[in-house]
Amino acid sequence: METKYFVVSRIDGDYAWLTCTSAEEEPFFIARALLPMETDEGSKLKLENFQFVMA
């Protein structure tokens, strides 16, 4: 699996909206429990080996 980069564009309660910065994809939402604890709006994330980490 290739590494992808995302920006948290919005947080709605228990979910965060992610926008991919490395490809033309639609924004999608994901449970905040799957993201690092320190994730906030504007955070940059990296998806690597099926795990999100701060970029």
PDB file of N, CA and C in Angstrom:
ATOM      1  N   MET A   1       0.840  -1.180   0.000  1.00  0.00           N
ATOM      2  CA  MET A   1       0.000   0.000   0.000  1.00  0.00           C
ATOM      3  C   MET A   1       0.884   1.243   0.000  1.00  0.00           C
ATOM      4  N   GLU A   2       0.560   2.188  -0.845  1.00  0.00           N
ATOM      5  CA  GLU A   2       1.344   3.417  -0.927  1.00  0.00           C
ATOM      6  C   GLU A   2       1.005   4.356   0.230  1.00  0.00           C
ATOM      7  N   THR A   3       1.934   5.221   0.568  1.00  0.00           N
ATOM      8  CA  THR A   3       1.730   6.211   1.612  1.00  0.00           C
ATOM      9  C   THR A   3       0.891   7.354   1.067  1.00  0.00           C
ATOM     10  N   LYS A   4      -0.121   7.777   1.826  1.00  0.00           N
ATOM     11  CA  LYS A   4      -0.967   8.897   1.430  1.00  0.00           C
ATOM     12  C   LYS A   4      -0.952   9.937   2.546  1.00  0.00           C
ATOM     13  N   TYR A   5      -1.134  11.189   2.146  1.00  0.00           N
ATOM     14  CA  TYR A   5      -1.125  12.298   3.087  1.00  0.00           C
ATOM     15  C   TYR A   5      -2.489  12.975   3.097  1.00  0.00           C
ATOM     16  N   PHE A   6      -2.925  13.382   4.289  1.00  0.00           N
ATOM     17  CA  PHE A   6      -4.239  13.977   4.476  1.00  0.00           C
ATOM     18  C   PHE A   6      -4.144  15.201   5.373  1.00  0.00           C
ATOM     19  N   VAL A   7      -5.150  16.068   5.248  1.00  0.00           N
ATOM     20  CA  VAL A   7      -5.323  17.197   6.156  1.00  0.00           C
ATOM     21  C   VAL A   7      -6.711  17.055   6.768  1.00  0.00           C
ATOM     22  N   VAL A   8      -6.804  17.279   8.067  1.00  0.00           N
ATOM     23  CA  VAL A   8      -8.101  17.244   8.746  1.00  0.00           C
ATOM     24  C   VAL A   8      -8.780  18.579   8.457  1.00  0.00           C
ATOM     25  N   SER A   9      -9.825  18.527   7.654  1.00  0.00           N
ATOM     26  CA  SER A   9     -10.490  19.767   7.258  1.00  0.00           C
ATOM     27  C   SER A   9     -11.592  20.173   8.235  1.00  0.00           C
ATOM     28  N   ARG A  10     -12.189  19.199   8.931  1.00  0.00           N
ATOM     29  CA  ARG A  10     -13.288  19.510   9.849  1.00  0.00           C
ATOM     30  C   ARG A  10     -13.448  18.375  10.847  1.00  0.00           C
ATOM     31  N   ILE A  11     -13.847  18.721  12.060  1.00  0.00           N
ATOM     32  CA  ILE A  11     -14.150  17.710  13.067  1.00  0.00           C
ATOM     33  C   ILE A  11     -15.610  17.864  13.448  1.00  0.00           C
ATOM     34  N   ASP A  12     -16.357  16.768  13.340  1.00  0.00           N
ATOM     35  CA  ASP A  12     -17.778  16.714  13.701  1.00  0.00           C
ATOM     36  C   ASP A  12     -17.955  15.684  14.795  1.00  0.00           C
ATOM     37  N   GLY A  13     -17.868  16.097  16.041  1.00  0.00           N
ATOM     38  CA  GLY A  13     -18.060  15.169  17.154  1.00  0.00           C
ATOM     39  C   GLY A  13     -17.031  14.056  17.151  1.00  0.00           C
ATOM     40  N   ASP A  14     -17.498  12.825  16.947  1.00  0.00           N
ATOM     41  CA  ASP A  14     -16.618  11.649  16.970  1.00  0.00           C
ATOM     42  C   ASP A  14     -16.010  11.333  15.607  1.00  0.00           C
ATOM     43  N   TYR A  15     -16.229  12.194  14.626  1.00  0.00           N
ATOM     44  CA  TYR A  15     -15.729  11.944  13.280  1.00  0.00           C
ATOM     45  C   TYR A  15     -14.893  13.126  12.785  1.00  0.00           C
ATOM     46  N   ALA A  16     -13.929  12.840  11.919  1.00  0.00           N
ATOM     47  CA  ALA A  16     -13.093  13.867  11.312  1.00  0.00           C
ATOM     48  C   ALA A  16     -13.188  13.730   9.798  1.00  0.00           C
ATOM     49  N   TRP A  17     -13.286  14.865   9.118  1.00  0.00           N
ATOM     50  CA  TRP A  17     -13.294  14.903   7.657  1.00  0.00           C
ATOM     51  C   TRP A  17     -11.869  15.067   7.173  1.00  0.00           C
ATOM     52  N   LEU A  18     -11.420  14.155   6.320  1.00  0.00           N
ATOM     53  CA  LEU A  18     -10.062  14.179   5.798  1.00  0.00           C
ATOM     54  C   LEU A  18     -10.063  14.509   4.313  1.00  0.00           C
ATOM     55  N   THR A  19      -9.099  15.321   3.910  1.00  0.00           N
ATOM     56  CA  THR A  19      -8.894  15.666   2.510  1.00  0.00           C
ATOM     57  C   THR A  19      -7.519  15.166   2.112  1.00  0.00           C
ATOM     58  N   CYS A  20      -7.447  14.384   1.047  1.00  0.00           N
ATOM     59  CA  CYS A  20      -6.178  13.836   0.572  1.00  0.00           C
ATOM     60  C   CYS A  20      -5.400  14.935  -0.139  1.00  0.00           C
ATOM     61  N   THR A  21      -4.120  15.083   0.209  1.00  0.00           N
ATOM     62  CA  THR A  21      -3.291  16.111  -0.417  1.00  0.00           C
ATOM     63  C   THR A  21      -2.473  15.559  -1.577  1.00  0.00           C
ATOM     64  N   SER A  22      -2.380  14.235  -1.680  1.00  0.00           N
ATOM     65  CA  SER A  22      -1.523  13.648  -2.704  1.00  0.00           C
ATOM     66  C   SER A  22      -2.287  13.122  -3.922  1.00  0.00           C
ATOM     67  N   ALA A  23      -3.611  13.295  -3.938  1.00  0.00           N
ATOM     68  CA  ALA A  23      -4.410  12.808  -5.070  1.00  0.00           C
ATOM     69  C   ALA A  23      -5.731  13.568  -5.130  1.00  0.00           C
ATOM     70  N   GLU A  24      -6.370  13.527  -6.273  1.00  0.00           N
ATOM     71  CA  GLU A  24      -7.681  14.148  -6.436  1.00  0.00           C
ATOM     72  C   GLU A  24      -8.748  13.169  -5.965  1.00  0.00           C
ATOM     73  N   GLU A  25      -9.123  13.274  -4.707  1.00  0.00           N
ATOM     74  CA  GLU A  25     -10.152  12.408  -4.132  1.00  0.00           C
ATOM     75  C   GLU A  25     -11.156  13.264  -3.384  1.00  0.00           C
ATOM     76  N   GLU A  26     -12.356  12.745  -3.244  1.00  0.00           N
ATOM     77  CA  GLU A  26     -13.383  13.420  -2.475  1.00  0.00           C
ATOM     78  C   GLU A  26     -13.031  13.349  -0.988  1.00  0.00           C
ATOM     79  N   PRO A  27     -13.335  14.406  -0.207  1.00  0.00           N
ATOM     80  CA  PRO A  27     -13.143  14.327   1.241  1.00  0.00           C
ATOM     81  C   PRO A  27     -14.011  13.201   1.815  1.00  0.00           C
ATOM     82  N   PHE A  28     -13.544  12.584   2.872  1.00  0.00           N
ATOM     83  CA  PHE A  28     -14.313  11.521   3.516  1.00  0.00           C
ATOM     84  C   PHE A  28     -14.174  11.663   5.020  1.00  0.00           C
ATOM     85  N   PHE A  29     -15.088  10.996   5.756  1.00  0.00           N
ATOM     86  CA  PHE A  29     -14.993  11.078   7.201  1.00  0.00           C
ATOM     87  C   PHE A  29     -14.581   9.735   7.781  1.00  0.00           C
ATOM     88  N   ILE A  30     -13.943   9.813   8.951  1.00  0.00           N
ATOM     89  CA  ILE A  30     -13.431   8.634   9.627  1.00  0.00           C
ATOM     90  C   ILE A  30     -13.577   8.850  11.126  1.00  0.00           C
ATOM     91  N   ALA A  31     -13.755   7.767  11.870  1.00  0.00           N
ATOM     92  CA  ALA A  31     -13.891   7.860  13.320  1.00  0.00           C
ATOM     93  C   ALA A  31     -12.604   8.408  13.931  1.00  0.00           C
ATOM     94  N   ARG A  32     -12.757   9.353  14.854  1.00  0.00           N
ATOM     95  CA  ARG A  32     -11.584   9.958  15.491  1.00  0.00           C
ATOM     96  C   ARG A  32     -10.800   8.948  16.313  1.00  0.00           C
ATOM     97  N   ALA A  33     -11.431   7.863  16.726  1.00  0.00           N
ATOM     98  CA  ALA A  33     -10.741   6.826  17.504  1.00  0.00           C
ATOM     99  C   ALA A  33      -9.627   6.170  16.692  1.00  0.00           C
ATOM    100  N   LEU A  34      -9.687   6.267  15.366  1.00  0.00           N
ATOM    101  CA  LEU A  34      -8.664   5.677  14.501  1.00  0.00           C
ATOM    102  C   LEU A  34      -7.506   6.634  14.222  1.00  0.00           C
ATOM    103  N   LEU A  35      -7.606   7.859  14.726  1.00  0.00           N
ATOM    104  CA  LEU A  35      -6.593   8.881  14.491  1.00  0.00           C
ATOM    105  C   LEU A  35      -5.771   9.116  15.756  1.00  0.00           C
ATOM    106  N   PRO A  36      -4.578   9.687  15.624  1.00  0.00           N
ATOM    107  CA  PRO A  36      -3.778   9.999  16.815  1.00  0.00           C
ATOM    108  C   PRO A  36      -4.536  10.933  17.759  1.00  0.00           C
ATOM    109  N   MET A  37      -4.286  10.800  19.071  1.00  0.00           N
ATOM    110  CA  MET A  37      -4.993  11.583  20.091  1.00  0.00           C
ATOM    111  C   MET A  37      -4.887  13.084  19.862  1.00  0.00           C
ATOM    112  N   GLU A  38      -3.733  13.560  19.399  1.00  0.00           N
ATOM    113  CA  GLU A  38      -3.500  14.997  19.260  1.00  0.00           C
ATOM    114  C   GLU A  38      -4.076  15.596  17.981  1.00  0.00           C
ATOM    115  N   THR A  39      -4.844  14.826  17.221  1.00  0.00           N
ATOM    116  CA  THR A  39      -5.422  15.299  15.963  1.00  0.00           C
ATOM    117  C   THR A  39      -6.426  16.415  16.222  1.00  0.00           C
ATOM    118  N   ASP A  40      -6.300  17.486  15.445  1.00  0.00           N
ATOM    119  CA  ASP A  40      -7.200  18.628  15.533  1.00  0.00           C
ATOM    120  C   ASP A  40      -7.419  19.153  14.110  1.00  0.00           C
ATOM    121  N   GLU A  41      -8.349  20.091  13.946  1.00  0.00           N
ATOM    122  CA  GLU A  41      -8.568  20.669  12.618  1.00  0.00           C
ATOM    123  C   GLU A  41      -7.267  21.285  12.109  1.00  0.00           C
ATOM    124  N   GLY A  42      -6.935  21.003  10.876  1.00  0.00           N
ATOM    125  CA  GLY A  42      -5.709  21.505  10.279  1.00  0.00           C
ATOM    126  C   GLY A  42      -4.518  20.571  10.436  1.00  0.00           C
ATOM    127  N   SER A  43      -4.664  19.500  11.210  1.00  0.00           N
ATOM    128  CA  SER A  43      -3.561  18.549  11.401  1.00  0.00           C
ATOM    129  C   SER A  43      -3.239  17.851  10.087  1.00  0.00           C
ATOM    130  N   LYS A  44      -1.966  17.562   9.898  1.00  0.00           N
ATOM    131  CA  LYS A  44      -1.525  16.816   8.720  1.00  0.00           C
ATOM    132  C   LYS A  44      -1.237  15.387   9.163  1.00  0.00           C
ATOM    133  N   LEU A  45      -1.822  14.436   8.433  1.00  0.00           N
ATOM    134  CA  LEU A  45      -1.697  13.025   8.770  1.00  0.00           C
ATOM    135  C   LEU A  45      -1.088  12.244   7.619  1.00  0.00           C
ATOM    136  N   LYS A  46      -0.462  11.147   7.977  1.00  0.00           N
ATOM    137  CA  LYS A  46       0.106  10.234   6.985  1.00  0.00           C
ATOM    138  C   LYS A  46      -0.511   8.869   7.238  1.00  0.00           C
ATOM    139  N   LEU A  47      -1.002   8.231   6.179  1.00  0.00           N
ATOM    140  CA  LEU A  47      -1.542   6.877   6.261  1.00  0.00           C
ATOM    141  C   LEU A  47      -0.494   5.922   5.714  1.00  0.00           C
ATOM    142  N   GLU A  48       0.010   5.080   6.594  1.00  0.00           N
ATOM    143  CA  GLU A  48       1.072   4.160   6.230  1.00  0.00           C
ATOM    144  C   GLU A  48       0.822   2.835   6.942  1.00  0.00           C
ATOM    145  N   ASN A  49       0.797   1.752   6.188  1.00  0.00           N
ATOM    146  CA  ASN A  49       0.533   0.423   6.753  1.00  0.00           C
ATOM    147  C   ASN A  49      -0.780   0.383   7.522  1.00  0.00           C
ATOM    148  N   PHE A  50      -1.812   1.006   6.949  1.00  0.00           N
ATOM    149  CA  PHE A  50      -3.159   1.020   7.512  1.00  0.00           C
ATOM    150  C   PHE A  50      -3.244   1.719   8.863  1.00  0.00           C
ATOM    151  N   GLN A  51      -2.317   2.637   9.150  1.00  0.00           N
ATOM    152  CA  GLN A  51      -2.314   3.370  10.407  1.00  0.00           C
ATOM    153  C   GLN A  51      -2.040   4.842  10.140  1.00  0.00           C
ATOM    154  N   PHE A  52      -2.821   5.718  10.789  1.00  0.00           N
ATOM    155  CA  PHE A  52      -2.629   7.148  10.666  1.00  0.00           C
ATOM    156  C   PHE A  52      -1.625   7.614  11.709  1.00  0.00           C
ATOM    157  N   VAL A  53      -0.660   8.436  11.275  1.00  0.00           N
ATOM    158  CA  VAL A  53       0.312   9.061  12.179  1.00  0.00           C
ATOM    159  C   VAL A  53       0.420  10.526  11.786  1.00  0.00           C
ATOM    160  N   MET A  54       0.890  11.349  12.728  1.00  0.00           N
ATOM    161  CA  MET A  54       1.080  12.763  12.440  1.00  0.00           C
ATOM    162  C   MET A  54       2.215  12.903  11.431  1.00  0.00           C
ATOM    163  N   ALA A  55       2.006  13.770  10.448  1.00  0.00           N
ATOM    164  CA  ALA A  55       3.032  13.966   9.409  1.00  0.00           C
ATOM    165  C   ALA A  55       3.914  15.143   9.753  1.00  0.00           C
TER     166      ALA A  55
END
